[in-house]
C-alpha cells in the first residue's frame, strides 16, 4: 500500500510522534493504523520517513508489538531494511532505557531479528555495537535499502521524539 508523504507525516503525528511537519494541516489525510503505518513508512523512497520507523518502534508500544505483522507486509530489500531498523530500535531502547523510563516509555522492544541478521546482540554494551554494525551495513548498502547517514538521521529523530516526550505530548499508555 502506497501512501502520500502528508498521510505518513499525519500518521506519525496521530501515533504520538509529530516528527515530520505536515505541509498543510488542512489537507485531509487518512491516518493509518500503527501496524500498517510501520510498513507504509518503508514503502516510500524518502529516507527520512524510512528512518522514522525507529522512533515509532521505540516510543509507540503498539508499533513495537505489531512489528512481526508489519514485517509480514513487506518483502525483499524493504523487509530486510525493516528488520535492521527494528533491531536498531531494540538497541536504542537498551541504550536509552533510563531516559525512556523517566519519560514514561516503559514498553519493551524485544530482540526478534539480530541473530538472523548476524548482528551483535542489541543489549551488548548498551546497544552500541549493534547500532554501529547496522549503520555500517546501511552505508555499504548491505541492509536492504541504501541509507547514507542513517545513524545521524535516526539520532536526530530520536532527539526530536525525546523533546516531544519531555513536553508531555507523548503519553505513555495506561497500565
C-alpha atoms as a PDB file:
ATOM      1  CA  UNK A   1       0.000   0.000   0.000  1.00  0.00           C
ATOM      2  CA  UNK A   2       1.492   3.299  -1.082  1.00  0.00           C
ATOM      3  CA  UNK A   3       0.578   6.400   0.908  1.00  0.00           C
ATOM      4  CA  UNK A   4       1.485  10.009   0.227  1.00  0.00           C
ATOM      5  CA  UNK A   5       4.031  11.719   2.456  1.00  0.00           C
ATOM      6  CA  UNK A   6       1.412  14.004   4.025  1.00  0.00           C
ATOM      7  CA  UNK A   7      -0.535  10.918   5.073  1.00  0.00           C
ATOM      8  CA  UNK A   8       2.599   9.340   6.536  1.00  0.00           C
ATOM      9  CA  UNK A   9       3.508  12.507   8.466  1.00  0.00           C
ATOM     10  CA  UNK A  10      -0.068  12.743   9.733  1.00  0.00           C
ATOM     11  CA  UNK A  11       0.027   9.036  10.667  1.00  0.00           C
ATOM     12  CA  UNK A  12       3.195   9.585  12.707  1.00  0.00           C
ATOM     13  CA  UNK A  13       1.588  12.561  14.458  1.00  0.00           C
ATOM     14  CA  UNK A  14      -1.528  10.517  15.200  1.00  0.00           C
ATOM     15  CA  UNK A  15       0.712   7.784  16.658  1.00  0.00           C
ATOM     16  CA  UNK A  16       2.120  10.377  19.082  1.00  0.00           C
ATOM     17  CA  UNK A  17       5.217  11.327  17.072  1.00  0.00           C
ATOM     18  CA  UNK A  18       4.823  14.616  15.178  1.00  0.00           C
ATOM     19  CA  UNK A  19       8.382  14.270  13.851  1.00  0.00           C
ATOM     20  CA  UNK A  20       7.848  15.438  10.298  1.00  0.00           C
ATOM     21  CA  UNK A  21       5.950  18.624   9.575  1.00  0.00           C
ATOM     22  CA  UNK A  22       2.724  18.248   7.664  1.00  0.00           C
ATOM     23  CA  UNK A  23       2.891  20.826   4.839  1.00  0.00           C
ATOM     24  CA  UNK A  24      -0.702  21.943   5.295  1.00  0.00           C
ATOM     25  CA  UNK A  25      -2.688  20.875   8.353  1.00  0.00           C
ATOM     26  CA  UNK A  26      -5.934  21.396   6.450  1.00  0.00           C
ATOM     27  CA  UNK A  27      -5.070  18.739   3.860  1.00  0.00           C
ATOM     28  CA  UNK A  28      -7.249  15.745   4.634  1.00  0.00           C
ATOM     29  CA  UNK A  29      -5.108  12.694   5.307  1.00  0.00           C
ATOM     30  CA  UNK A  30      -6.102   9.244   6.373  1.00  0.00           C
ATOM     31  CA  UNK A  31      -4.265   8.123   9.482  1.00  0.00           C
ATOM     32  CA  UNK A  32      -3.170   4.534   9.050  1.00  0.00           C
ATOM     33  CA  UNK A  33      -3.417   2.108  11.958  1.00  0.00           C
ATOM     34  CA  UNK A  34       0.003   1.795  13.578  1.00  0.00           C
ATOM     35  CA  UNK A  35       0.766  -1.728  12.237  1.00  0.00           C
ATOM     36  CA  UNK A  36       0.091  -0.519   8.703  1.00  0.00           C
ATOM     37  CA  UNK A  37       1.957   2.756   9.310  1.00  0.00           C
ATOM     38  CA  UNK A  38       5.241   0.993  10.138  1.00  0.00           C
ATOM     39  CA  UNK A  39       5.114  -0.929   6.850  1.00  0.00           C
ATOM     40  CA  UNK A  40       3.913   2.105   4.846  1.00  0.00           C
ATOM     41  CA  UNK A  41       6.909   4.138   6.042  1.00  0.00           C
ATOM     42  CA  UNK A  42       9.157   1.542   4.395  1.00  0.00           C
ATOM     43  CA  UNK A  43       7.262   1.776   1.113  1.00  0.00           C
ATOM     44  CA  UNK A  44       8.323   5.376   0.494  1.00  0.00           C
ATOM     45  CA  UNK A  45      11.550   6.370  -1.224  1.00  0.00           C
ATOM     46  CA  UNK A  46      12.183   9.174   1.295  1.00  0.00           C
ATOM     47  CA  UNK A  47      14.864   8.020   3.743  1.00  0.00           C
ATOM     48  CA  UNK A  48      13.575  10.389   6.454  1.00  0.00           C
ATOM     49  CA  UNK A  49      10.250   8.542   6.506  1.00  0.00           C
ATOM     50  CA  UNK A  50      12.036   5.188   6.402  1.00  0.00           C
ATOM     51  CA  UNK A  51      14.227   6.185   9.376  1.00  0.00           C
ATOM     52  CA  UNK A  52      11.122   7.389  11.275  1.00  0.00           C
ATOM     53  CA  UNK A  53      10.291   3.713  11.812  1.00  0.00           C
ATOM     54  CA  UNK A  54      12.941   3.634  14.567  1.00  0.00           C
ATOM     55  CA  UNK A  55      11.415   6.230  16.938  1.00  0.00           C
ATOM     56  CA  UNK A  56       7.949   4.900  16.083  1.00  0.00           C
ATOM     57  CA  UNK A  57       9.005   1.477  17.408  1.00  0.00           C
ATOM     58  CA  UNK A  58      10.858   2.914  20.412  1.00  0.00           C
ATOM     59  CA  UNK A  59       8.110   5.311  21.538  1.00  0.00           C
ATOM     60  CA  UNK A  60       4.919   3.506  20.474  1.00  0.00           C
ATOM     61  CA  UNK A  61       4.072   0.239  22.238  1.00  0.00           C
ATOM     62  CA  UNK A  62       1.540  -0.771  19.586  1.00  0.00           C
ATOM     63  CA  UNK A  63       4.134  -0.378  16.827  1.00  0.00           C
ATOM     64  CA  UNK A  64       6.678  -2.460  18.743  1.00  0.00           C
ATOM     65  CA  UNK A  65       4.159  -5.207  19.499  1.00  0.00           C
ATOM     66  CA  UNK A  66       2.923  -5.349  15.910  1.00  0.00           C
ATOM     67  CA  UNK A  67       6.388  -5.413  14.301  1.00  0.00           C
ATOM     68  CA  UNK A  68       6.069  -9.015  13.062  1.00  0.00           C
ATOM     69  CA  UNK A  69       2.814  -8.037  11.310  1.00  0.00           C
ATOM     70  CA  UNK A  70       4.495  -5.004   9.737  1.00  0.00           C
ATOM     71  CA  UNK A  71       7.438  -7.145   8.579  1.00  0.00           C
ATOM     72  CA  UNK A  72       4.988  -9.627   7.070  1.00  0.00           C
ATOM     73  CA  UNK A  73       3.562  -6.844   4.873  1.00  0.00           C
ATOM     74  CA  UNK A  74       6.999  -6.259   3.310  1.00  0.00           C
ATOM     75  CA  UNK A  75       9.289  -8.317   1.108  1.00  0.00           C
ATOM     76  CA  UNK A  76      12.798  -8.247  -0.304  1.00  0.00           C
ATOM     77  CA  UNK A  77      15.014  -5.250   0.429  1.00  0.00           C
ATOM     78  CA  UNK A  78      12.230  -3.380   2.249  1.00  0.00           C
ATOM     79  CA  UNK A  79      11.684  -6.258   4.664  1.00  0.00           C
ATOM     80  CA  UNK A  80      15.437  -6.575   5.259  1.00  0.00           C
ATOM     81  CA  UNK A  81      15.572  -2.824   5.898  1.00  0.00           C
ATOM     82  CA  UNK A  82      12.671  -3.091   8.346  1.00  0.00           C
ATOM     83  CA  UNK A  83      14.397  -5.921  10.235  1.00  0.00           C
ATOM     84  CA  UNK A  84      17.579  -3.833  10.531  1.00  0.00           C
ATOM     85  CA  UNK A  85      15.634  -0.743  11.660  1.00  0.00           C
ATOM     86  CA  UNK A  86      13.633  -2.798  14.155  1.00  0.00           C
ATOM     87  CA  UNK A  87      16.910  -4.160  15.561  1.00  0.00           C
ATOM     88  CA  UNK A  88      18.237  -0.580  15.747  1.00  0.00           C
ATOM     89  CA  UNK A  89      15.104   0.362  17.719  1.00  0.00           C
ATOM     90  CA  UNK A  90      15.754  -2.559  20.063  1.00  0.00           C
ATOM     91  CA  UNK A  91      19.370  -1.421  20.564  1.00  0.00           C
ATOM     92  CA  UNK A  92      18.294   2.209  21.096  1.00  0.00           C
ATOM     93  CA  UNK A  93      15.722   1.025  23.640  1.00  0.00           C
ATOM     94  CA  UNK A  94      18.608  -0.538  25.556  1.00  0.00           C
ATOM     95  CA  UNK A  95      20.878   2.475  25.017  1.00  0.00           C
ATOM     96  CA  UNK A  96      18.262   4.979  26.244  1.00  0.00           C
ATOM     97  CA  UNK A  97      16.467   2.735  28.784  1.00  0.00           C
ATOM     98  CA  UNK A  98      16.781   5.119  31.757  1.00  0.00           C
ATOM     99  CA  UNK A  99      15.843   8.249  29.816  1.00  0.00           C
ATOM    100  CA  UNK A 100      12.881   6.475  28.214  1.00  0.00           C
ATOM    101  CA  UNK A 101      11.680   5.204  31.589  1.00  0.00           C
ATOM    102  CA  UNK A 102      11.903   8.719  33.050  1.00  0.00           C
ATOM    103  CA  UNK A 103       9.647   9.968  30.246  1.00  0.00           C
ATOM    104  CA  UNK A 104       7.129   7.200  30.912  1.00  0.00           C
ATOM    105  CA  UNK A 105       8.045   4.975  27.966  1.00  0.00           C
ATOM    106  CA  UNK A 106       8.389   1.528  29.501  1.00  0.00           C
ATOM    107  CA  UNK A 107       7.316  -0.965  26.833  1.00  0.00           C
ATOM    108  CA  UNK A 108       9.839  -3.469  25.594  1.00  0.00           C
ATOM    109  CA  UNK A 109      11.215  -3.820  22.075  1.00  0.00           C
ATOM    110  CA  UNK A 110      12.303  -7.466  22.159  1.00  0.00           C
ATOM    111  CA  UNK A 111      15.139  -8.741  20.002  1.00  0.00           C
ATOM    112  CA  UNK A 112      13.484 -10.535  17.082  1.00  0.00           C
ATOM    113  CA  UNK A 113      15.979 -10.258  14.240  1.00  0.00           C
ATOM    114  CA  UNK A 114      19.599  -9.701  15.358  1.00  0.00           C
ATOM    115  CA  UNK A 115      20.528 -13.373  15.338  1.00  0.00           C
ATOM    116  CA  UNK A 116      19.071 -13.995  11.866  1.00  0.00           C
ATOM    117  CA  UNK A 117      20.824 -10.852  10.585  1.00  0.00           C
ATOM    118  CA  UNK A 118      24.116 -11.932  12.190  1.00  0.00           C
ATOM    119  CA  UNK A 119      24.355  -8.714  14.221  1.00  0.00           C
ATOM    120  CA  UNK A 120      25.720  -8.153  17.725  1.00  0.00           C
ATOM    121  CA  UNK A 121      23.027  -8.518  20.385  1.00  0.00           C
ATOM    122  CA  UNK A 122      21.131  -5.245  20.933  1.00  0.00           C
ATOM    123  CA  UNK A 123      21.888  -5.370  24.674  1.00  0.00           C
ATOM    124  CA  UNK A 124      25.679  -5.809  24.338  1.00  0.00           C
ATOM    125  CA  UNK A 125      27.439  -2.636  25.506  1.00  0.00           C
ATOM    126  CA  UNK A 126      24.050  -0.875  25.824  1.00  0.00           C
ATOM    127  CA  UNK A 127      23.350  -1.468  22.131  1.00  0.00           C
ATOM    128  CA  UNK A 128      26.334   0.474  20.831  1.00  0.00           C
ATOM    129  CA  UNK A 129      27.965  -2.462  18.987  1.00  0.00           C
ATOM    130  CA  UNK A 130      24.707  -3.364  17.280  1.00  0.00           C
ATOM    131  CA  UNK A 131      23.971   0.251  16.275  1.00  0.00           C
ATOM    132  CA  UNK A 132      27.433   0.669  14.790  1.00  0.00           C
ATOM    133  CA  UNK A 133      27.144  -2.565  12.812  1.00  0.00           C
ATOM    134  CA  UNK A 134      23.721  -1.565  11.449  1.00  0.00           C
ATOM    135  CA  UNK A 135      24.938   1.919  10.462  1.00  0.00           C
ATOM    136  CA  UNK A 136      27.906   0.368   8.626  1.00  0.00           C
ATOM    137  CA  UNK A 137      25.607  -2.012   6.750  1.00  0.00           C
ATOM    138  CA  UNK A 138      23.354   0.824   5.635  1.00  0.00           C
ATOM    139  CA  UNK A 139      26.373   2.810   4.455  1.00  0.00           C
ATOM    140  CA  UNK A 140      27.578  -0.171   2.407  1.00  0.00           C
ATOM    141  CA  UNK A 141      24.082  -0.961   1.104  1.00  0.00           C
ATOM    142  CA  UNK A 142      24.000  -4.333   2.859  1.00  0.00           C
ATOM    143  CA  UNK A 143      20.884  -3.720   4.956  1.00  0.00           C
ATOM    144  CA  UNK A 144      18.287  -3.633   2.223  1.00  0.00           C
ATOM    145  CA  UNK A 145      17.797  -0.045   1.099  1.00  0.00           C
ATOM    146  CA  UNK A 146      20.855   2.232   0.866  1.00  0.00           C
ATOM    147  CA  UNK A 147      20.615   4.963   3.511  1.00  0.00           C
ATOM    148  CA  UNK A 148      23.640   7.192   3.839  1.00  0.00           C
ATOM    149  CA  UNK A 149      23.885   8.873   7.229  1.00  0.00           C
ATOM    150  CA  UNK A 150      21.280   6.558   8.788  1.00  0.00           C
ATOM    151  CA  UNK A 151      22.778   6.872  12.267  1.00  0.00           C
ATOM    152  CA  UNK A 152      22.763  10.693  12.147  1.00  0.00           C
ATOM    153  CA  UNK A 153      19.203  10.761  10.826  1.00  0.00           C
ATOM    154  CA  UNK A 154      17.998   8.299  13.465  1.00  0.00           C
ATOM    155  CA  UNK A 155      19.764  10.249  16.234  1.00  0.00           C
ATOM    156  CA  UNK A 156      18.057  13.442  15.021  1.00  0.00           C
ATOM    157  CA  UNK A 157      14.615  11.802  15.021  1.00  0.00           C
ATOM    158  CA  UNK A 158      15.225  10.314  18.483  1.00  0.00           C
ATOM    159  CA  UNK A 159      16.238  13.746  19.808  1.00  0.00           C
ATOM    160  CA  UNK A 160      13.008  15.177  18.400  1.00  0.00           C
ATOM    161  CA  UNK A 161      10.980  12.381  19.967  1.00  0.00           C
ATOM    162  CA  UNK A 162      12.617  12.937  23.364  1.00  0.00           C
ATOM    163  CA  UNK A 163      11.776  16.639  23.079  1.00  0.00           C
ATOM    164  CA  UNK A 164       8.163  15.772  22.332  1.00  0.00           C
ATOM    165  CA  UNK A 165       8.093  13.358  25.282  1.00  0.00           C
ATOM    166  CA  UNK A 166       9.619  15.978  27.601  1.00  0.00           C
ATOM    167  CA  UNK A 167       6.842  18.397  26.661  1.00  0.00           C
ATOM    168  CA  UNK A 168       4.315  15.719  27.575  1.00  0.00           C
ATOM    169  CA  UNK A 169       2.989  15.307  24.051  1.00  0.00           C
ATOM    170  CA  UNK A 170       3.786  11.594  24.005  1.00  0.00           C
ATOM    171  CA  UNK A 171       1.610   9.997  26.607  1.00  0.00           C
ATOM    172  CA  UNK A 172       2.645   6.616  27.926  1.00  0.00           C
ATOM    173  CA  UNK A 173      -0.204   4.110  27.701  1.00  0.00           C
ATOM    174  CA  UNK A 174      -2.045   3.380  30.953  1.00  0.00           C
ATOM    175  CA  UNK A 175      -1.200   0.055  32.549  1.00  0.00           C
END
